Amino acid sequence: MAGASLHRIELIGRLVRDPVFSTTSNGKDKAEFTLVTDDGSRENPKATYHQITTWEKLANNCAQYCHKGQLVRIEGRINYGGQQIVEQDQNGRDVKKTIYQYQAGITANQVLFLSSPNSNSNGGGSGDSMPDFHS
């Protein structure tokens, strides 16, 4: 399997709140939202929150059609970002200890609606065909 690689994530969950739409300084449209999933355990389910980012046409579609509580399927890739924090002593001088803080986010390249915005059922809404958006 030398040379083979795959970097993809698929999630099914509900939007915690409506997407936040913005345009970057470079003029690219961006929509961000939080998706909550659970581990499938019936006794003590554990919720996990995922920060999702969409771009351009997909961002416009998500901002217009995705709403809080809606069940969606996301396909995309995980992005890791981080920042280096240099601690300072009492006199404001940098000390040698450096702390790295990392966070993960997901850039979606596909969003499939599994329920209508007002549906809280797990079964996929009213049975109507839901749009499938790709970047």
N, C-alpha and C. Protein backbone atom coordinates (compact mmCIF):
# COMPACT_ATOMS: atom_id res chain seq x y z
N MET A 1 0.82 -1.18 0.00
CA MET A 1 0.00 0.00 0.00
C MET A 1 0.87 1.25 0.00
N ALA A 2 2.08 1.13 -0.44
CA ALA A 2 2.97 2.27 -0.50
C ALA A 2 2.43 3.32 -1.46
N GLY A 3 2.42 4.56 -1.02
CA GLY A 3 1.97 5.66 -1.86
C GLY A 3 0.48 5.92 -1.81
N ALA A 4 -0.29 5.00 -1.26
CA ALA A 4 -1.74 5.20 -1.18
C ALA A 4 -2.06 6.09 0.02
N SER A 5 -3.04 6.96 -0.16
CA SER A 5 -3.40 7.89 0.92
C SER A 5 -4.86 8.29 0.78
N LEU A 6 -5.49 8.52 1.92
CA LEU A 6 -6.88 8.96 1.92
C LEU A 6 -7.07 9.93 3.07
N HIS A 7 -7.62 11.08 2.78
CA HIS A 7 -7.88 12.10 3.80
C HIS A 7 -9.31 12.57 3.63
N ARG A 8 -10.24 11.86 4.26
CA ARG A 8 -11.65 12.16 4.10
C ARG A 8 -12.37 11.84 5.40
N ILE A 9 -13.38 12.64 5.72
CA ILE A 9 -14.21 12.38 6.88
C ILE A 9 -15.67 12.51 6.46
N GLU A 10 -16.51 11.66 7.02
CA GLU A 10 -17.95 11.73 6.80
C GLU A 10 -18.62 11.76 8.16
N LEU A 11 -19.55 12.69 8.33
CA LEU A 11 -20.28 12.84 9.59
C LEU A 11 -21.76 13.00 9.29
N ILE A 12 -22.59 12.47 10.18
CA ILE A 12 -24.02 12.74 10.15
C ILE A 12 -24.38 13.29 11.51
N GLY A 13 -25.00 14.46 11.52
CA GLY A 13 -25.37 15.10 12.77
C GLY A 13 -26.32 16.25 12.54
N ARG A 14 -26.59 16.97 13.61
CA ARG A 14 -27.51 18.11 13.56
C ARG A 14 -26.77 19.42 13.77
N LEU A 15 -27.25 20.46 13.08
CA LEU A 15 -26.68 21.79 13.26
C LEU A 15 -27.06 22.32 14.63
N VAL A 16 -26.09 22.83 15.35
CA VAL A 16 -26.32 23.40 16.68
C VAL A 16 -27.00 24.76 16.56
N ARG A 17 -26.64 25.51 15.52
CA ARG A 17 -27.25 26.81 15.25
C ARG A 17 -27.16 27.09 13.76
N ASP A 18 -27.82 28.13 13.31
CA ASP A 18 -27.76 28.50 11.90
C ASP A 18 -26.32 28.84 11.50
N PRO A 19 -25.93 28.57 10.25
CA PRO A 19 -24.58 28.93 9.80
C PRO A 19 -24.33 30.44 9.87
N VAL A 20 -23.08 30.79 10.10
CA VAL A 20 -22.65 32.19 10.09
C VAL A 20 -21.94 32.42 8.75
N PHE A 21 -22.48 33.35 7.97
CA PHE A 21 -21.95 33.64 6.64
C PHE A 21 -21.07 34.88 6.69
N SER A 22 -19.95 34.83 5.97
CA SER A 22 -19.07 36.00 5.87
C SER A 22 -18.32 35.94 4.54
N THR A 23 -17.66 37.04 4.23
CA THR A 23 -16.80 37.11 3.06
C THR A 23 -15.41 37.50 3.53
N THR A 24 -14.40 36.77 3.10
CA THR A 24 -13.03 37.04 3.53
C THR A 24 -12.52 38.32 2.87
N SER A 25 -11.37 38.78 3.33
CA SER A 25 -10.77 39.98 2.74
C SER A 25 -10.36 39.74 1.28
N ASN A 26 -10.20 38.46 0.91
CA ASN A 26 -9.88 38.11 -0.48
C ASN A 26 -11.12 37.96 -1.34
N GLY A 27 -12.31 38.19 -0.75
CA GLY A 27 -13.55 38.11 -1.50
C GLY A 27 -14.16 36.72 -1.61
N LYS A 28 -13.68 35.76 -0.81
CA LYS A 28 -14.24 34.41 -0.85
C LYS A 28 -15.37 34.29 0.16
N ASP A 29 -16.49 33.70 -0.28
CA ASP A 29 -17.62 33.46 0.62
C ASP A 29 -17.32 32.28 1.52
N LYS A 30 -17.77 32.41 2.78
CA LYS A 30 -17.47 31.40 3.79
C LYS A 30 -18.68 31.26 4.70
N ALA A 31 -19.05 30.03 5.02
CA ALA A 31 -20.10 29.77 6.01
C ALA A 31 -19.55 28.78 7.02
N GLU A 32 -19.77 29.07 8.30
CA GLU A 32 -19.30 28.21 9.38
C GLU A 32 -20.48 27.82 10.25
N PHE A 33 -20.46 26.58 10.73
CA PHE A 33 -21.48 26.12 11.66
C PHE A 33 -20.93 24.97 12.48
N THR A 34 -21.63 24.67 13.56
CA THR A 34 -21.25 23.57 14.44
C THR A 34 -22.22 22.42 14.24
N LEU A 35 -21.66 21.23 14.09
CA LEU A 35 -22.43 20.01 13.92
C LEU A 35 -22.24 19.15 15.16
N VAL A 36 -23.32 18.62 15.72
CA VAL A 36 -23.21 17.72 16.87
C VAL A 36 -23.52 16.30 16.43
N THR A 37 -22.66 15.38 16.83
CA THR A 37 -22.86 13.96 16.57
C THR A 37 -22.85 13.24 17.91
N ASP A 38 -23.34 12.00 17.92
CA ASP A 38 -23.21 11.21 19.13
C ASP A 38 -22.54 9.89 18.79
N ASP A 39 -22.10 9.18 19.82
CA ASP A 39 -21.34 7.95 19.60
C ASP A 39 -22.21 6.72 19.38
N GLY A 40 -23.53 6.90 19.37
CA GLY A 40 -24.43 5.79 19.11
C GLY A 40 -24.76 4.95 20.33
N SER A 41 -24.17 5.28 21.47
CA SER A 41 -24.44 4.53 22.69
C SER A 41 -25.85 4.84 23.19
N ARG A 42 -26.58 3.80 23.56
CA ARG A 42 -27.95 4.01 24.07
C ARG A 42 -27.94 4.34 25.56
N GLU A 43 -26.99 3.82 26.30
CA GLU A 43 -26.99 4.01 27.76
C GLU A 43 -26.43 5.37 28.17
N ASN A 44 -25.25 5.70 27.74
CA ASN A 44 -24.63 6.98 28.08
C ASN A 44 -24.10 7.65 26.82
N PRO A 45 -24.99 8.19 25.99
CA PRO A 45 -24.51 8.78 24.73
C PRO A 45 -23.60 9.97 24.99
N LYS A 46 -22.55 10.05 24.19
CA LYS A 46 -21.59 11.14 24.31
C LYS A 46 -21.67 12.01 23.06
N ALA A 47 -21.94 13.28 23.25
CA ALA A 47 -22.02 14.22 22.13
C ALA A 47 -20.63 14.75 21.80
N THR A 48 -20.37 14.90 20.50
CA THR A 48 -19.13 15.51 20.03
C THR A 48 -19.51 16.66 19.11
N TYR A 49 -18.86 17.79 19.29
CA TYR A 49 -19.14 18.99 18.50
C TYR A 49 -18.01 19.20 17.49
N HIS A 50 -18.40 19.47 16.24
CA HIS A 50 -17.45 19.63 15.15
C HIS A 50 -17.65 21.00 14.51
N GLN A 51 -16.56 21.74 14.33
CA GLN A 51 -16.62 23.03 13.65
C GLN A 51 -16.47 22.80 12.16
N ILE A 52 -17.51 23.18 11.38
CA ILE A 52 -17.54 22.94 9.94
C ILE A 52 -17.39 24.26 9.20
N THR A 53 -16.56 24.27 8.16
CA THR A 53 -16.39 25.44 7.30
C THR A 53 -16.70 25.03 5.87
N THR A 54 -17.47 25.86 5.18
CA THR A 54 -17.75 25.67 3.76
C THR A 54 -17.33 26.93 3.02
N TRP A 55 -17.03 26.78 1.72
CA TRP A 55 -16.54 27.89 0.93
C TRP A 55 -17.34 28.07 -0.35
N GLU A 56 -17.31 29.31 -0.85
CA GLU A 56 -17.85 29.70 -2.15
C GLU A 56 -19.32 29.30 -2.33
N LYS A 57 -19.65 28.59 -3.41
CA LYS A 57 -21.05 28.26 -3.71
C LYS A 57 -21.66 27.40 -2.60
N LEU A 58 -20.91 26.45 -2.07
CA LEU A 58 -21.40 25.61 -0.99
C LEU A 58 -21.70 26.46 0.24
N ALA A 59 -20.89 27.46 0.51
CA ALA A 59 -21.13 28.37 1.64
C ALA A 59 -22.43 29.13 1.45
N ASN A 60 -22.66 29.62 0.24
CA ASN A 60 -23.91 30.34 -0.05
C ASN A 60 -25.12 29.43 0.14
N ASN A 61 -25.04 28.20 -0.36
CA ASN A 61 -26.15 27.26 -0.22
C ASN A 61 -26.41 26.90 1.24
N CYS A 62 -25.35 26.67 1.99
CA CYS A 62 -25.52 26.33 3.41
C CYS A 62 -26.11 27.50 4.19
N ALA A 63 -25.64 28.71 3.90
CA ALA A 63 -26.16 29.89 4.59
C ALA A 63 -27.65 30.08 4.29
N GLN A 64 -28.07 29.74 3.08
CA GLN A 64 -29.45 29.94 2.68
C GLN A 64 -30.37 28.79 3.13
N TYR A 65 -29.89 27.55 3.08
CA TYR A 65 -30.78 26.41 3.27
C TYR A 65 -30.57 25.61 4.56
N CYS A 66 -29.44 25.75 5.24
CA CYS A 66 -29.19 25.01 6.48
C CYS A 66 -29.69 25.80 7.68
N HIS A 67 -30.31 25.10 8.61
CA HIS A 67 -30.85 25.78 9.79
C HIS A 67 -30.65 24.93 11.04
N LYS A 68 -30.69 25.58 12.18
CA LYS A 68 -30.53 24.93 13.47
C LYS A 68 -31.43 23.70 13.58
N GLY A 69 -30.87 22.59 14.06
CA GLY A 69 -31.62 21.37 14.29
C GLY A 69 -31.71 20.45 13.09
N GLN A 70 -31.29 20.93 11.93
CA GLN A 70 -31.41 20.14 10.71
C GLN A 70 -30.38 19.00 10.71
N LEU A 71 -30.81 17.81 10.27
CA LEU A 71 -29.94 16.66 10.14
C LEU A 71 -29.25 16.71 8.78
N VAL A 72 -27.92 16.65 8.78
CA VAL A 72 -27.15 16.72 7.54
C VAL A 72 -26.04 15.68 7.54
N ARG A 73 -25.60 15.36 6.35
CA ARG A 73 -24.42 14.51 6.17
C ARG A 73 -23.34 15.40 5.57
N ILE A 74 -22.17 15.39 6.19
CA ILE A 74 -21.04 16.21 5.75
C ILE A 74 -19.95 15.29 5.24
N GLU A 75 -19.37 15.65 4.12
CA GLU A 75 -18.16 14.97 3.65
C GLU A 75 -17.10 16.03 3.44
N GLY A 76 -15.90 15.78 3.92
CA GLY A 76 -14.84 16.76 3.76
C GLY A 76 -13.52 16.25 4.28
N ARG A 77 -12.70 17.18 4.76
CA ARG A 77 -11.37 16.81 5.27
C ARG A 77 -11.12 17.54 6.58
N ILE A 78 -10.30 16.94 7.41
CA ILE A 78 -9.94 17.53 8.70
C ILE A 78 -8.76 18.47 8.48
N ASN A 79 -8.84 19.65 9.09
CA ASN A 79 -7.75 20.62 9.07
C ASN A 79 -7.27 20.83 10.49
N TYR A 80 -5.97 20.83 10.67
CA TYR A 80 -5.41 21.10 11.98
C TYR A 80 -4.73 22.46 11.94
N GLY A 81 -5.08 23.28 12.89
CA GLY A 81 -4.44 24.58 13.01
C GLY A 81 -3.87 24.70 14.41
N GLY A 82 -2.97 25.59 14.57
CA GLY A 82 -2.40 25.75 15.89
C GLY A 82 -1.71 27.09 16.01
N GLN A 83 -1.39 27.40 17.21
CA GLN A 83 -0.64 28.62 17.44
C GLN A 83 0.40 28.38 18.51
N GLN A 84 1.49 29.07 18.38
CA GLN A 84 2.57 28.97 19.33
C GLN A 84 2.41 30.09 20.35
N ILE A 85 2.42 29.73 21.61
CA ILE A 85 2.27 30.72 22.67
C ILE A 85 3.55 30.74 23.49
N VAL A 86 4.17 31.90 23.55
CA VAL A 86 5.39 32.06 24.33
C VAL A 86 5.01 32.72 25.64
N GLU A 87 5.32 32.05 26.73
CA GLU A 87 5.01 32.61 28.04
C GLU A 87 6.01 33.70 28.39
N GLN A 88 5.58 34.63 29.25
CA GLN A 88 6.45 35.71 29.67
C GLN A 88 6.63 35.67 31.18
N ASP A 89 7.80 36.16 31.63
CA ASP A 89 8.04 36.22 33.07
C ASP A 89 7.42 37.50 33.63
N GLN A 90 7.64 37.77 34.91
CA GLN A 90 7.03 38.94 35.57
C GLN A 90 7.47 40.26 34.98
N ASN A 91 8.63 40.29 34.34
CA ASN A 91 9.14 41.52 33.74
C ASN A 91 8.76 41.67 32.27
N GLY A 92 7.94 40.76 31.78
CA GLY A 92 7.48 40.85 30.39
C GLY A 92 8.44 40.26 29.38
N ARG A 93 9.49 39.59 29.85
CA ARG A 93 10.44 38.97 28.93
C ARG A 93 9.97 37.57 28.56
N ASP A 94 10.21 37.20 27.32
CA ASP A 94 9.85 35.86 26.86
C ASP A 94 10.70 34.83 27.60
N VAL A 95 10.06 33.76 28.00
CA VAL A 95 10.80 32.66 28.63
C VAL A 95 10.94 31.53 27.61
N LYS A 96 11.79 30.59 27.90
CA LYS A 96 12.10 29.55 26.92
C LYS A 96 10.98 28.54 26.74
N LYS A 97 10.08 28.44 27.68
CA LYS A 97 8.99 27.47 27.58
C LYS A 97 7.98 27.95 26.54
N THR A 98 7.67 27.08 25.60
CA THR A 98 6.71 27.39 24.55
C THR A 98 5.60 26.36 24.60
N ILE A 99 4.38 26.81 24.51
CA ILE A 99 3.21 25.94 24.53
C ILE A 99 2.57 26.00 23.15
N TYR A 100 2.25 24.84 22.60
CA TYR A 100 1.55 24.79 21.32
C TYR A 100 0.11 24.39 21.59
N GLN A 101 -0.83 25.15 21.07
CA GLN A 101 -2.24 24.82 21.19
C GLN A 101 -2.75 24.47 19.79
N TYR A 102 -3.35 23.30 19.69
CA TYR A 102 -3.85 22.83 18.41
C TYR A 102 -5.36 22.72 18.45
N GLN A 103 -5.99 22.91 17.31
CA GLN A 103 -7.42 22.67 17.19
C GLN A 103 -7.69 22.10 15.81
N ALA A 104 -8.75 21.30 15.75
CA ALA A 104 -9.12 20.67 14.48
C ALA A 104 -10.44 21.26 14.00
N GLY A 105 -10.57 21.39 12.73
CA GLY A 105 -11.81 21.81 12.09
C GLY A 105 -12.02 20.96 10.86
N ILE A 106 -13.20 21.06 10.28
CA ILE A 106 -13.51 20.28 9.10
C ILE A 106 -13.93 21.21 7.98
N THR A 107 -13.29 21.06 6.83
CA THR A 107 -13.70 21.78 5.64
C THR A 107 -14.57 20.84 4.83
N ALA A 108 -15.83 21.19 4.68
CA ALA A 108 -16.78 20.34 3.97
C ALA A 108 -16.73 20.63 2.48
N ASN A 109 -16.76 19.58 1.67
CA ASN A 109 -16.88 19.76 0.22
C ASN A 109 -18.20 19.20 -0.29
N GLN A 110 -19.00 18.63 0.63
CA GLN A 110 -20.34 18.16 0.28
C GLN A 110 -21.22 18.22 1.52
N VAL A 111 -22.46 18.70 1.34
CA VAL A 111 -23.46 18.73 2.41
C VAL A 111 -24.74 18.16 1.83
N LEU A 112 -25.23 17.10 2.47
CA LEU A 112 -26.47 16.47 2.04
C LEU A 112 -27.51 16.65 3.13
N PHE A 113 -28.66 17.22 2.81
CA PHE A 113 -29.72 17.43 3.78
C PHE A 113 -30.47 16.12 3.98
N LEU A 114 -30.54 15.66 5.22
CA LEU A 114 -31.24 14.43 5.54
C LEU A 114 -32.60 14.69 6.18
N SER A 115 -32.85 15.94 6.56
CA SER A 115 -34.17 16.32 7.09
C SER A 115 -34.45 17.75 6.68
N SER A 116 -35.73 18.10 6.74
CA SER A 116 -36.09 19.49 6.47
C SER A 116 -35.68 20.33 7.68
N PRO A 117 -35.53 21.64 7.51
CA PRO A 117 -35.08 22.49 8.60
C PRO A 117 -35.94 22.39 9.86
N ASN A 118 -37.22 22.14 9.72
CA ASN A 118 -38.11 22.11 10.87
C ASN A 118 -38.34 20.72 11.42
N SER A 119 -37.68 19.71 10.85
CA SER A 119 -37.88 18.33 11.28
C SER A 119 -36.89 17.97 12.37
N ASN A 120 -37.37 17.42 13.47
CA ASN A 120 -36.49 16.94 14.52
C ASN A 120 -36.49 15.43 14.59
N SER A 121 -37.08 14.78 13.59
CA SER A 121 -37.10 13.32 13.59
C SER A 121 -35.75 12.80 13.13
N ASN A 122 -35.46 11.57 13.45
CA ASN A 122 -34.23 10.96 12.99
C ASN A 122 -34.41 10.27 11.65
N GLY A 123 -35.61 10.28 11.13
CA GLY A 123 -35.91 9.52 9.93
C GLY A 123 -35.74 10.25 8.63
N GLY A 124 -35.42 11.51 8.62
CA GLY A 124 -35.14 12.18 7.35
C GLY A 124 -36.23 13.10 6.88
N GLY A 125 -37.09 13.57 7.74
CA GLY A 125 -38.03 14.62 7.35
C GLY A 125 -39.29 14.09 6.73
N SER A 126 -39.86 14.87 5.83
CA SER A 126 -41.19 14.61 5.30
C SER A 126 -41.22 13.63 4.15
N GLY A 127 -40.04 13.13 3.74
CA GLY A 127 -40.01 12.22 2.61
C GLY A 127 -39.74 12.93 1.30
N ASP A 128 -39.78 14.26 1.29
CA ASP A 128 -39.45 15.01 0.09
C ASP A 128 -37.97 14.87 -0.21
N SER A 129 -37.60 14.99 -1.45
CA SER A 129 -36.20 14.95 -1.83
C SER A 129 -35.50 16.20 -1.31
N MET A 130 -34.37 15.99 -0.65
CA MET A 130 -33.60 17.11 -0.10
C MET A 130 -32.42 17.42 -1.00
N PRO A 131 -32.04 18.68 -1.14
CA PRO A 131 -30.93 19.04 -2.02
C PRO A 131 -29.61 18.47 -1.52
N ASP A 132 -28.71 18.23 -2.45
CA ASP A 132 -27.39 17.72 -2.17
C ASP A 132 -26.42 18.73 -2.77
N PHE A 133 -25.61 19.38 -1.95
CA PHE A 133 -24.73 20.44 -2.45
C PHE A 133 -23.29 19.99 -2.39
N HIS A 134 -22.54 20.33 -3.44
CA HIS A 134 -21.12 20.03 -3.56
C HIS A 134 -20.38 21.34 -3.76
N SER A 135 -19.12 21.34 -3.36
CA SER A 135 -18.30 22.53 -3.62
C SER A 135 -17.73 22.48 -5.01
